[in-house]
PDB file of N, CA and C in Angstrom:
ATOM      1  N   MET A   1      -5.922  16.063 -32.722  1.00  0.00           N
ATOM      2  CA  MET A   1      -5.080  17.177 -32.352  1.00  0.00           C
ATOM      3  C   MET A   1      -5.229  17.516 -30.874  1.00  0.00           C
ATOM      4  N   ILE A   2      -6.467  17.462 -30.357  1.00  0.00           N
ATOM      5  CA  ILE A   2      -6.699  17.807 -28.961  1.00  0.00           C
ATOM      6  C   ILE A   2      -5.913  16.881 -28.046  1.00  0.00           C
ATOM      7  N   ARG A   3      -5.812  15.606 -28.400  1.00  0.00           N
ATOM      8  CA  ARG A   3      -5.095  14.657 -27.553  1.00  0.00           C
ATOM      9  C   ARG A   3      -3.609  14.950 -27.523  1.00  0.00           C
ATOM     10  N   ARG A   4      -3.068  15.535 -28.565  1.00  0.00           N
ATOM     11  CA  ARG A   4      -1.643  15.852 -28.607  1.00  0.00           C
ATOM     12  C   ARG A   4      -1.334  17.184 -27.945  1.00  0.00           C
ATOM     13  N   LEU A   5      -2.336  18.005 -27.745  1.00  0.00           N
ATOM     14  CA  LEU A   5      -2.136  19.333 -27.170  1.00  0.00           C
ATOM     15  C   LEU A   5      -1.427  19.297 -25.818  1.00  0.00           C
ATOM     16  N   PRO A   6      -1.838  18.425 -24.866  1.00  0.00           N
ATOM     17  CA  PRO A   6      -1.121  18.415 -23.578  1.00  0.00           C
ATOM     18  C   PRO A   6       0.361  18.105 -23.734  1.00  0.00           C
ATOM     19  N   VAL A   7       0.702  17.187 -24.604  1.00  0.00           N
ATOM     20  CA  VAL A   7       2.099  16.827 -24.822  1.00  0.00           C
ATOM     21  C   VAL A   7       2.847  18.008 -25.426  1.00  0.00           C
ATOM     22  N   LEU A   8       2.243  18.674 -26.387  1.00  0.00           N
ATOM     23  CA  LEU A   8       2.885  19.823 -27.023  1.00  0.00           C
ATOM     24  C   LEU A   8       3.089  20.957 -26.026  1.00  0.00           C
ATOM     25  N   VAL A   9       2.124  21.190 -25.153  1.00  0.00           N
ATOM     26  CA  VAL A   9       2.251  22.237 -24.148  1.00  0.00           C
ATOM     27  C   VAL A   9       3.402  21.916 -23.201  1.00  0.00           C
ATOM     28  N   VAL A  10       3.479  20.673 -22.739  1.00  0.00           N
ATOM     29  CA  VAL A  10       4.570  20.273 -21.844  1.00  0.00           C
ATOM     30  C   VAL A  10       5.915  20.475 -22.523  1.00  0.00           C
ATOM     31  N   LEU A  11       6.040  20.001 -23.757  1.00  0.00           N
ATOM     32  CA  LEU A  11       7.307  20.130 -24.464  1.00  0.00           C
ATOM     33  C   LEU A  11       7.679  21.590 -24.703  1.00  0.00           C
ATOM     34  N   ALA A  12       6.713  22.422 -25.063  1.00  0.00           N
ATOM     35  CA  ALA A  12       6.993  23.836 -25.296  1.00  0.00           C
ATOM     36  C   ALA A  12       7.453  24.527 -24.012  1.00  0.00           C
ATOM     37  N   MET A  13       6.818  24.208 -22.904  1.00  0.00           N
ATOM     38  CA  MET A  13       7.212  24.832 -21.644  1.00  0.00           C
ATOM     39  C   MET A  13       8.589  24.350 -21.196  1.00  0.00           C
ATOM     40  N   LEU A  14       8.876  23.096 -21.424  1.00  0.00           N
ATOM     41  CA  LEU A  14      10.192  22.579 -21.071  1.00  0.00           C
ATOM     42  C   LEU A  14      11.269  23.221 -21.937  1.00  0.00           C
ATOM     43  N   ALA A  15      10.973  23.376 -23.218  1.00  0.00           N
ATOM     44  CA  ALA A  15      11.932  23.978 -24.133  1.00  0.00           C
ATOM     45  C   ALA A  15      12.160  25.453 -23.809  1.00  0.00           C
ATOM     46  N   ALA A  16      11.169  26.097 -23.208  1.00  0.00           N
ATOM     47  CA  ALA A  16      11.285  27.519 -22.880  1.00  0.00           C
ATOM     48  C   ALA A  16      12.187  27.769 -21.676  1.00  0.00           C
ATOM     49  N   GLY A  17      12.615  26.720 -21.009  1.00  0.00           N
ATOM     50  CA  GLY A  17      13.557  26.892 -19.920  1.00  0.00           C
ATOM     51  C   GLY A  17      12.953  26.867 -18.533  1.00  0.00           C
ATOM     52  N   CYS A  18      11.723  26.431 -18.386  1.00  0.00           N
ATOM     53  CA  CYS A  18      11.111  26.325 -17.062  1.00  0.00           C
ATOM     54  C   CYS A  18      11.803  25.220 -16.277  1.00  0.00           C
ATOM     55  N   ALA A  19      12.061  25.454 -15.014  1.00  0.00           N
ATOM     56  CA  ALA A  19      12.720  24.446 -14.183  1.00  0.00           C
ATOM     57  C   ALA A  19      11.759  23.314 -13.823  1.00  0.00           C
ATOM     58  N   GLN A  20      10.533  23.633 -13.433  1.00  0.00           N
ATOM     59  CA  GLN A  20       9.523  22.629 -13.086  1.00  0.00           C
ATOM     60  C   GLN A  20       8.239  22.968 -13.812  1.00  0.00           C
ATOM     61  N   VAL A  21       7.659  21.994 -14.480  1.00  0.00           N
ATOM     62  CA  VAL A  21       6.442  22.220 -15.257  1.00  0.00           C
ATOM     63  C   VAL A  21       5.386  21.219 -14.832  1.00  0.00           C
ATOM     64  N   ASP A  22       4.170  21.703 -14.566  1.00  0.00           N
ATOM     65  CA  ASP A  22       3.007  20.862 -14.307  1.00  0.00           C
ATOM     66  C   ASP A  22       1.909  21.316 -15.259  1.00  0.00           C
ATOM     67  N   VAL A  23       1.301  20.361 -15.973  1.00  0.00           N
ATOM     68  CA  VAL A  23       0.245  20.662 -16.928  1.00  0.00           C
ATOM     69  C   VAL A  23      -0.947  19.766 -16.627  1.00  0.00           C
ATOM     70  N   GLY A  24      -2.153  20.329 -16.698  1.00  0.00           N
ATOM     71  CA  GLY A  24      -3.356  19.556 -16.427  1.00  0.00           C
ATOM     72  C   GLY A  24      -3.624  19.499 -14.938  1.00  0.00           C
ATOM     73  N   LYS A  25      -4.336  18.469 -14.539  1.00  0.00           N
ATOM     74  CA  LYS A  25      -4.708  18.302 -13.138  1.00  0.00           C
ATOM     75  C   LYS A  25      -4.476  16.847 -12.765  1.00  0.00           C
ATOM     76  N   ASP A  26      -3.711  16.621 -11.708  1.00  0.00           N
ATOM     77  CA  ASP A  26      -3.403  15.253 -11.299  1.00  0.00           C
ATOM     78  C   ASP A  26      -4.678  14.521 -10.883  1.00  0.00           C
ATOM     79  N   PHE A  27      -4.713  13.222 -11.111  1.00  0.00           N
ATOM     80  CA  PHE A  27      -5.860  12.397 -10.763  1.00  0.00           C
ATOM     81  C   PHE A  27      -5.370  11.025 -10.334  1.00  0.00           C
ATOM     82  N   ASP A  28      -6.215  10.308  -9.606  1.00  0.00           N
ATOM     83  CA  ASP A  28      -5.865   8.998  -9.067  1.00  0.00           C
ATOM     84  C   ASP A  28      -6.442   7.907  -9.966  1.00  0.00           C
ATOM     85  N   LEU A  29      -5.630   7.430 -10.894  1.00  0.00           N
ATOM     86  CA  LEU A  29      -6.070   6.414 -11.842  1.00  0.00           C
ATOM     87  C   LEU A  29      -6.429   5.106 -11.140  1.00  0.00           C
ATOM     88  N   GLN A  30      -5.650   4.721 -10.157  1.00  0.00           N
ATOM     89  CA  GLN A  30      -5.907   3.461  -9.461  1.00  0.00           C
ATOM     90  C   GLN A  30      -7.268   3.495  -8.758  1.00  0.00           C
ATOM     91  N   ALA A  31      -7.583   4.601  -8.097  1.00  0.00           N
ATOM     92  CA  ALA A  31      -8.882   4.732  -7.430  1.00  0.00           C
ATOM     93  C   ALA A  31     -10.016   4.655  -8.453  1.00  0.00           C
ATOM     94  N   PHE A  32      -9.829   5.274  -9.621  1.00  0.00           N
ATOM     95  CA  PHE A  32     -10.834   5.209 -10.681  1.00  0.00           C
ATOM     96  C   PHE A  32     -11.047   3.767 -11.116  1.00  0.00           C
ATOM     97  N   GLU A  33      -9.966   3.062 -11.413  1.00  0.00           N
ATOM     98  CA  GLU A  33     -10.089   1.680 -11.897  1.00  0.00           C
ATOM     99  C   GLU A  33     -10.687   0.746 -10.850  1.00  0.00           C
ATOM    100  N   GLU A  34     -10.458   1.004  -9.592  1.00  0.00           N
ATOM    101  CA  GLU A  34     -11.032   0.169  -8.540  1.00  0.00           C
ATOM    102  C   GLU A  34     -12.538   0.362  -8.416  1.00  0.00           C
ATOM    103  N   ARG A  35     -13.040   1.534  -8.810  1.00  0.00           N
ATOM    104  CA  ARG A  35     -14.459   1.861  -8.636  1.00  0.00           C
ATOM    105  C   ARG A  35     -15.296   1.733  -9.901  1.00  0.00           C
ATOM    106  N   VAL A  36     -14.729   2.023 -11.052  1.00  0.00           N
ATOM    107  CA  VAL A  36     -15.513   2.117 -12.286  1.00  0.00           C
ATOM    108  C   VAL A  36     -16.049   0.749 -12.715  1.00  0.00           C
ATOM    109  N   GLU A  37     -17.283   0.753 -13.204  1.00  0.00           N
ATOM    110  CA  GLU A  37     -17.885  -0.430 -13.798  1.00  0.00           C
ATOM    111  C   GLU A  37     -18.532   0.007 -15.108  1.00  0.00           C
ATOM    112  N   VAL A  38     -17.958  -0.472 -16.213  1.00  0.00           N
ATOM    113  CA  VAL A  38     -18.491  -0.131 -17.526  1.00  0.00           C
ATOM    114  C   VAL A  38     -19.951  -0.582 -17.592  1.00  0.00           C
ATOM    115  N   GLY A  39     -20.804   0.303 -18.081  1.00  0.00           N
ATOM    116  CA  GLY A  39     -22.223   0.002 -18.196  1.00  0.00           C
ATOM    117  C   GLY A  39     -23.025   0.319 -16.943  1.00  0.00           C
ATOM    118  N   GLU A  40     -22.351   0.720 -15.854  1.00  0.00           N
ATOM    119  CA  GLU A  40     -23.051   1.033 -14.611  1.00  0.00           C
ATOM    120  C   GLU A  40     -22.662   2.383 -14.009  1.00  0.00           C
ATOM    121  N   THR A  41     -21.374   2.719 -14.039  1.00  0.00           N
ATOM    122  CA  THR A  41     -20.904   3.967 -13.433  1.00  0.00           C
ATOM    123  C   THR A  41     -21.409   5.163 -14.233  1.00  0.00           C
ATOM    124  N   GLU A  42     -21.889   6.188 -13.533  1.00  0.00           N
ATOM    125  CA  GLU A  42     -22.437   7.375 -14.187  1.00  0.00           C
ATOM    126  C   GLU A  42     -21.446   8.539 -14.157  1.00  0.00           C
ATOM    127  N   ARG A  43     -21.703   9.522 -15.030  1.00  0.00           N
ATOM    128  CA  ARG A  43     -20.879  10.737 -15.087  1.00  0.00           C
ATOM    129  C   ARG A  43     -20.712  11.374 -13.719  1.00  0.00           C
ATOM    130  N   THR A  44     -21.815  11.455 -12.981  1.00  0.00           N
ATOM    131  CA  THR A  44     -21.767  12.104 -11.669  1.00  0.00           C
ATOM    132  C   THR A  44     -20.799  11.395 -10.725  1.00  0.00           C
ATOM    133  N   ASP A  45     -20.711  10.064 -10.831  1.00  0.00           N
ATOM    134  CA  ASP A  45     -19.764   9.312 -10.004  1.00  0.00           C
ATOM    135  C   ASP A  45     -18.332   9.691 -10.364  1.00  0.00           C
ATOM    136  N   VAL A  46     -18.047   9.713 -11.664  1.00  0.00           N
ATOM    137  CA  VAL A  46     -16.698  10.042 -12.126  1.00  0.00           C
ATOM    138  C   VAL A  46     -16.326  11.455 -11.696  1.00  0.00           C
ATOM    139  N   ARG A  47     -17.242  12.392 -11.854  1.00  0.00           N
ATOM    140  CA  ARG A  47     -16.981  13.783 -11.448  1.00  0.00           C
ATOM    141  C   ARG A  47     -16.690  13.858  -9.952  1.00  0.00           C
ATOM    142  N   GLN A  48     -17.405  13.071  -9.169  1.00  0.00           N
ATOM    143  CA  GLN A  48     -17.175  13.067  -7.722  1.00  0.00           C
ATOM    144  C   GLN A  48     -15.792  12.500  -7.391  1.00  0.00           C
ATOM    145  N   TRP A  49     -15.358  11.461  -8.097  1.00  0.00           N
ATOM    146  CA  TRP A  49     -14.063  10.824  -7.828  1.00  0.00           C
ATOM    147  C   TRP A  49     -12.883  11.658  -8.323  1.00  0.00           C
ATOM    148  N   LEU A  50     -13.013  12.205  -9.557  1.00  0.00           N
ATOM    149  CA  LEU A  50     -11.874  12.843 -10.218  1.00  0.00           C
ATOM    150  C   LEU A  50     -11.984  14.354 -10.363  1.00  0.00           C
ATOM    151  N   GLY A  51     -13.142  14.918 -10.099  1.00  0.00           N
ATOM    152  CA  GLY A  51     -13.355  16.336 -10.337  1.00  0.00           C
ATOM    153  C   GLY A  51     -13.725  16.586 -11.788  1.00  0.00           C
ATOM    154  N   GLU A  52     -13.709  17.850 -12.172  1.00  0.00           N
ATOM    155  CA  GLU A  52     -14.064  18.213 -13.548  1.00  0.00           C
ATOM    156  C   GLU A  52     -12.977  17.737 -14.505  1.00  0.00           C
ATOM    157  N   PRO A  53     -13.364  17.271 -15.689  1.00  0.00           N
ATOM    158  CA  PRO A  53     -12.352  16.877 -16.676  1.00  0.00           C
ATOM    159  C   PRO A  53     -11.587  18.097 -17.180  1.00  0.00           C
ATOM    160  N   VAL A  54     -10.378  17.856 -17.662  1.00  0.00           N
ATOM    161  CA  VAL A  54      -9.579  18.937 -18.232  1.00  0.00           C
ATOM    162  C   VAL A  54     -10.174  19.355 -19.577  1.00  0.00           C
ATOM    163  N   SER A  55     -10.719  18.385 -20.319  1.00  0.00           N
ATOM    164  CA  SER A  55     -11.385  18.715 -21.581  1.00  0.00           C
ATOM    165  C   SER A  55     -12.523  17.739 -21.838  1.00  0.00           C
ATOM    166  N   THR A  56     -13.469  18.183 -22.663  1.00  0.00           N
ATOM    167  CA  THR A  56     -14.595  17.339 -23.060  1.00  0.00           C
ATOM    168  C   THR A  56     -14.769  17.449 -24.565  1.00  0.00           C
ATOM    169  N   GLY A  57     -15.417  16.453 -25.141  1.00  0.00           N
ATOM    170  CA  GLY A  57     -15.670  16.476 -26.576  1.00  0.00           C
ATOM    171  C   GLY A  57     -16.523  15.293 -26.979  1.00  0.00           C
ATOM    172  N   GLN A  58     -16.533  15.027 -28.281  1.00  0.00           N
ATOM    173  CA  GLN A  58     -17.284  13.899 -28.809  1.00  0.00           C
ATOM    174  C   GLN A  58     -16.381  13.036 -29.668  1.00  0.00           C
ATOM    175  N   VAL A  59     -16.700  11.747 -29.667  1.00  0.00           N
ATOM    176  CA  VAL A  59     -16.019  10.790 -30.531  1.00  0.00           C
ATOM    177  C   VAL A  59     -17.062  10.259 -31.497  1.00  0.00           C
ATOM    178  N   VAL A  60     -16.717  10.216 -32.779  1.00  0.00           N
ATOM    179  CA  VAL A  60     -17.595   9.636 -33.784  1.00  0.00           C
ATOM    180  C   VAL A  60     -17.028   8.269 -34.136  1.00  0.00           C
ATOM    181  N   ARG A  61     -17.799   7.249 -33.863  1.00  0.00           N
ATOM    182  CA  ARG A  61     -17.360   5.876 -34.119  1.00  0.00           C
ATOM    183  C   ARG A  61     -17.560   5.524 -35.590  1.00  0.00           C
ATOM    184  N   PRO A  62     -16.928   4.452 -36.057  1.00  0.00           N
ATOM    185  CA  PRO A  62     -17.039   4.072 -37.473  1.00  0.00           C
ATOM    186  C   PRO A  62     -18.477   3.899 -37.964  1.00  0.00           C
ATOM    187  N   ASP A  63     -19.396   3.498 -37.089  1.00  0.00           N
ATOM    188  CA  ASP A  63     -20.793   3.328 -37.497  1.00  0.00           C
ATOM    189  C   ASP A  63     -21.582   4.638 -37.465  1.00  0.00           C
ATOM    190  N   GLY A  64     -20.911   5.752 -37.121  1.00  0.00           N
ATOM    191  CA  GLY A  64     -21.562   7.055 -37.083  1.00  0.00           C
ATOM    192  C   GLY A  64     -22.092   7.448 -35.718  1.00  0.00           C
ATOM    193  N   THR A  65     -22.073   6.542 -34.781  1.00  0.00           N
ATOM    194  CA  THR A  65     -22.529   6.823 -33.428  1.00  0.00           C
ATOM    195  C   THR A  65     -21.606   7.850 -32.771  1.00  0.00           C
ATOM    196  N   ARG A  66     -22.202   8.823 -32.104  1.00  0.00           N
ATOM    197  CA  ARG A  66     -21.439   9.836 -31.368  1.00  0.00           C
ATOM    198  C   ARG A  66     -21.557   9.554 -29.875  1.00  0.00           C
ATOM    199  N   VAL A  67     -20.427   9.637 -29.196  1.00  0.00           N
ATOM    200  CA  VAL A  67     -20.424   9.488 -27.737  1.00  0.00           C
ATOM    201  C   VAL A  67     -19.641  10.637 -27.127  1.00  0.00           C
ATOM    202  N   GLU A  68     -20.050  11.016 -25.928  1.00  0.00           N
ATOM    203  CA  GLU A  68     -19.363  12.075 -25.195  1.00  0.00           C
ATOM    204  C   GLU A  68     -18.063  11.507 -24.620  1.00  0.00           C
ATOM    205  N   GLU A  69     -17.005  12.327 -24.626  1.00  0.00           N
ATOM    206  CA  GLU A  69     -15.731  11.888 -24.072  1.00  0.00           C
ATOM    207  C   GLU A  69     -15.180  12.945 -23.133  1.00  0.00           C
ATOM    208  N   TRP A  70     -14.748  12.497 -21.963  1.00  0.00           N
ATOM    209  CA  TRP A  70     -14.065  13.347 -20.999  1.00  0.00           C
ATOM    210  C   TRP A  70     -12.611  12.940 -20.968  1.00  0.00           C
ATOM    211  N   THR A  71     -11.720  13.927 -20.886  1.00  0.00           N
ATOM    212  CA  THR A  71     -10.290  13.652 -20.820  1.00  0.00           C
ATOM    213  C   THR A  71      -9.689  14.282 -19.569  1.00  0.00           C
ATOM    214  N   TYR A  72      -8.929  13.470 -18.870  1.00  0.00           N
ATOM    215  CA  TYR A  72      -8.143  13.915 -17.724  1.00  0.00           C
ATOM    216  C   TYR A  72      -6.688  13.684 -18.094  1.00  0.00           C
ATOM    217  N   TYR A  73      -5.838  14.665 -17.864  1.00  0.00           N
ATOM    218  CA  TYR A  73      -4.412  14.459 -18.113  1.00  0.00           C
ATOM    219  C   TYR A  73      -3.592  15.253 -17.107  1.00  0.00           C
ATOM    220  N   TYR A  74      -2.378  14.767 -16.917  1.00  0.00           N
ATOM    221  CA  TYR A  74      -1.454  15.441 -16.020  1.00  0.00           C
ATOM    222  C   TYR A  74      -0.041  15.177 -16.513  1.00  0.00           C
ATOM    223  N   GLY A  75       0.732  16.230 -16.636  1.00  0.00           N
ATOM    224  CA  GLY A  75       2.123  16.103 -17.047  1.00  0.00           C
ATOM    225  C   GLY A  75       3.016  16.888 -16.118  1.00  0.00           C
ATOM    226  N   THR A  76       4.201  16.372 -15.901  1.00  0.00           N
ATOM    227  CA  THR A  76       5.168  17.045 -15.053  1.00  0.00           C
ATOM    228  C   THR A  76       6.574  16.733 -15.552  1.00  0.00           C
ATOM    229  N   GLY A  77       7.483  17.651 -15.298  1.00  0.00           N
ATOM    230  CA  GLY A  77       8.866  17.431 -15.706  1.00  0.00           C
ATOM    231  C   GLY A  77       9.746  18.582 -15.277  1.00  0.00           C
ATOM    232  N   THR A  78      11.049  18.365 -15.356  1.00  0.00           N
ATOM    233  CA  THR A  78      12.015  19.397 -15.002  1.00  0.00           C
ATOM    234  C   THR A  78      13.102  19.480 -16.058  1.00  0.00           C
ATOM    235  N   LEU A  79      13.760  20.615 -16.074  1.00  0.00           N
ATOM    236  CA  LEU A  79      14.918  20.815 -16.941  1.00  0.00           C
ATOM    237  C   LEU A  79      16.157  20.838 -16.071  1.00  0.00           C
ATOM    238  N   PRO A  80      17.319  20.598 -16.549  1.00  0.00           N
ATOM    239  CA  PRO A  80      17.639  20.236 -17.931  1.00  0.00           C
ATOM    240  C   PRO A  80      17.373  18.757 -18.187  1.00  0.00           C
ATOM    241  N   GLY A  81      17.170  18.428 -19.423  1.00  0.00           N
ATOM    242  CA  GLY A  81      16.889  17.052 -19.825  1.00  0.00           C
ATOM    243  C   GLY A  81      15.418  16.726 -19.614  1.00  0.00           C
ATOM    244  N   LEU A  82      14.946  15.764 -20.341  1.00  0.00           N
ATOM    245  CA  LEU A  82      13.543  15.366 -20.232  1.00  0.00           C
ATOM    246  C   LEU A  82      13.405  13.950 -19.677  1.00  0.00           C
ATOM    247  N   SER A  83      14.474  13.441 -19.089  1.00  0.00           N
ATOM    248  CA  SER A  83      14.440  12.053 -18.647  1.00  0.00           C
ATOM    249  C   SER A  83      13.392  11.789 -17.570  1.00  0.00           C
ATOM    250  N   ASP A  84      12.990  12.808 -16.823  1.00  0.00           N
ATOM    251  CA  ASP A  84      11.995  12.605 -15.771  1.00  0.00           C
ATOM    252  C   ASP A  84      10.591  13.082 -16.167  1.00  0.00           C
ATOM    253  N   ALA A  85      10.416  13.574 -17.396  1.00  0.00           N
ATOM    254  CA  ALA A  85       9.110  14.063 -17.832  1.00  0.00           C
ATOM    255  C   ALA A  85       8.119  12.908 -17.880  1.00  0.00           C
ATOM    256  N   GLN A  86       6.911  13.147 -17.332  1.00  0.00           N
ATOM    257  CA  GLN A  86       5.876  12.127 -17.292  1.00  0.00           C
ATOM    258  C   GLN A  86       4.547  12.741 -17.696  1.00  0.00           C
ATOM    259  N   LEU A  87       3.741  11.972 -18.419  1.00  0.00           N
ATOM    260  CA  LEU A  87       2.403  12.395 -18.802  1.00  0.00           C
ATOM    261  C   LEU A  87       1.482  11.197 -18.654  1.00  0.00           C
ATOM    262  N   LYS A  88       0.370  11.415 -17.976  1.00  0.00           N
ATOM    263  CA  LYS A  88      -0.643  10.362 -17.910  1.00  0.00           C
ATOM    264  C   LYS A  88      -1.955  10.948 -18.399  1.00  0.00           C
ATOM    265  N   MET A  89      -2.747  10.102 -19.049  1.00  0.00           N
ATOM    266  CA  MET A  89      -3.991  10.556 -19.642  1.00  0.00           C
ATOM    267  C   MET A  89      -5.059   9.482 -19.471  1.00  0.00           C
ATOM    268  N   LEU A  90      -6.278   9.919 -19.168  1.00  0.00           N
ATOM    269  CA  LEU A  90      -7.432   9.045 -19.037  1.00  0.00           C
ATOM    270  C   LEU A  90      -8.539   9.606 -19.903  1.00  0.00           C
ATOM    271  N   GLU A  91      -9.048   8.779 -20.812  1.00  0.00           N
ATOM    272  CA  GLU A  91     -10.157   9.171 -21.675  1.00  0.00           C
ATOM    273  C   GLU A  91     -11.343   8.269 -21.366  1.00  0.00           C
ATOM    274  N   ILE A  92     -12.479   8.888 -21.056  1.00  0.00           N
ATOM    275  CA  ILE A  92     -13.674   8.143 -20.672  1.00  0.00           C
ATOM    276  C   ILE A  92     -14.786   8.481 -21.655  1.00  0.00           C
ATOM    277  N   GLN A  93     -15.403   7.455 -22.233  1.00  0.00           N
ATOM    278  CA  GLN A  93     -16.509   7.656 -23.162  1.00  0.00           C
ATOM    279  C   GLN A  93     -17.817   7.259 -22.481  1.00  0.00           C
ATOM    280  N   TYR A  94     -18.853   8.091 -22.719  1.00  0.00           N
ATOM    281  CA  TYR A  94     -20.157   7.895 -22.082  1.00  0.00           C
ATOM    282  C   TYR A  94     -21.242   7.615 -23.111  1.00  0.00           C
ATOM    283  N   ARG A  95     -22.147   6.733 -22.751  1.00  0.00           N
ATOM    284  CA  ARG A  95     -23.343   6.483 -23.555  1.00  0.00           C
ATOM    285  C   ARG A  95     -24.279   7.678 -23.430  1.00  0.00           C
ATOM    286  N   LYS A  96     -25.312   7.719 -24.277  1.00  0.00           N
ATOM    287  CA  LYS A  96     -26.271   8.832 -24.240  1.00  0.00           C
ATOM    288  C   LYS A  96     -26.925   9.000 -22.874  1.00  0.00           C
ATOM    289  N   ASN A  97     -27.080   7.913 -22.136  1.00  0.00           N
ATOM    290  CA  ASN A  97     -27.733   7.987 -20.831  1.00  0.00           C
ATOM    291  C   ASN A  97     -26.773   8.408 -19.712  1.00  0.00           C
ATOM    292  N   GLY A  98     -25.520   8.746 -20.062  1.00  0.00           N
ATOM    293  CA  GLY A  98     -24.565   9.234 -19.076  1.00  0.00           C
ATOM    294  C   GLY A  98     -23.800   8.161 -18.331  1.00  0.00           C
ATOM    295  N   VAL A  99     -23.859   6.930 -18.805  1.00  0.00           N
ATOM    296  CA  VAL A  99     -23.164   5.810 -18.173  1.00  0.00           C
ATOM    297  C   VAL A  99     -21.855   5.545 -18.921  1.00  0.00           C
ATOM    298  N   VAL A 100     -20.806   5.164 -18.188  1.00  0.00           N
ATOM    299  CA  VAL A 100     -19.511   4.872 -18.804  1.00  0.00           C
ATOM    300  C   VAL A 100     -19.661   3.756 -19.832  1.00  0.00           C
ATOM    301  N   ASP A 101     -19.230   4.039 -21.053  1.00  0.00           N
ATOM    302  CA  ASP A 101     -19.262   3.055 -22.136  1.00  0.00           C
ATOM    303  C   ASP A 101     -17.912   2.364 -22.276  1.00  0.00           C
ATOM    304  N   SER A 102     -16.838   3.152 -22.154  1.00  0.00           N
ATOM    305  CA  SER A 102     -15.486   2.607 -22.243  1.00  0.00           C
ATOM    306  C   SER A 102     -14.517   3.658 -21.706  1.00  0.00           C
ATOM    307  N   TYR A 103     -13.280   3.218 -21.482  1.00  0.00           N
ATOM    308  CA  TYR A 103     -12.237   4.143 -21.080  1.00  0.00           C
ATOM    309  C   TYR A 103     -10.897   3.562 -21.454  1.00  0.00           C
ATOM    310  N   LYS A 104      -9.901   4.445 -21.576  1.00  0.00           N
ATOM    311  CA  LYS A 104      -8.528   4.000 -21.799  1.00  0.00           C
ATOM    312  C   LYS A 104      -7.600   4.975 -21.120  1.00  0.00           C
ATOM    313  N   TRP A 105      -6.458   4.478 -20.704  1.00  0.00           N
ATOM    314  CA  TRP A 105      -5.475   5.318 -20.057  1.00  0.00           C
ATOM    315  C   TRP A 105      -4.110   5.029 -20.639  1.00  0.00           C
ATOM    316  N   THR A 106      -3.237   5.998 -20.511  1.00  0.00           N
ATOM    317  CA  THR A 106      -1.847   5.848 -20.944  1.00  0.00           C
ATOM    318  C   THR A 106      -0.967   6.573 -19.948  1.00  0.00           C
ATOM    319  N   GLY A 107       0.270   6.115 -19.871  1.00  0.00           N
ATOM    320  CA  GLY A 107       1.273   6.859 -19.135  1.00  0.00           C
ATOM    321  C   GLY A 107       1.508   6.512 -17.698  1.00  0.00           C
ATOM    322  N   GLU A 108       0.743   5.635 -17.117  1.00  0.00           N
ATOM    323  CA  GLU A 108       0.964   5.259 -15.721  1.00  0.00           C
ATOM    324  C   GLU A 108       0.773   3.759 -15.611  1.00  0.00           C
ATOM    325  N   THR A 109       1.687   3.096 -14.975  1.00  0.00           N
ATOM    326  CA  THR A 109       1.558   1.649 -14.798  1.00  0.00           C
ATOM    327  C   THR A 109       0.970   1.331 -13.440  1.00  0.00           C
ATOM    328  N   GLN A 110       0.338   0.220 -13.353  1.00  0.00           N
ATOM    329  CA  GLN A 110      -0.273  -0.231 -12.087  1.00  0.00           C
ATOM    330  C   GLN A 110       0.725  -0.970 -11.251  1.00  0.00           C
TER     331      GLN A 110
END
């Protein structure tokens, strides 16, 4: 549900008649991908590059392992019509020692 919240907020604000809507905090995905190294990059590095995450939480994997997850998202759009609405999201999972375990992004092409 938390992952769908940014999309729902954008859609609700657009439906309410706002001319320009920005949700979340913009971030530089390309700069992140150029720097990040799974198994080596630490939380402090990510925070320095991207700032504070928009949300944090935990992911429970099928084997029961829990990992910390940070989410960055940014959405923008204008009315009328939603043809220009855009949303990008980056989810980063950390091992117990604070090192990047994995990440995935959606909404922006390289």
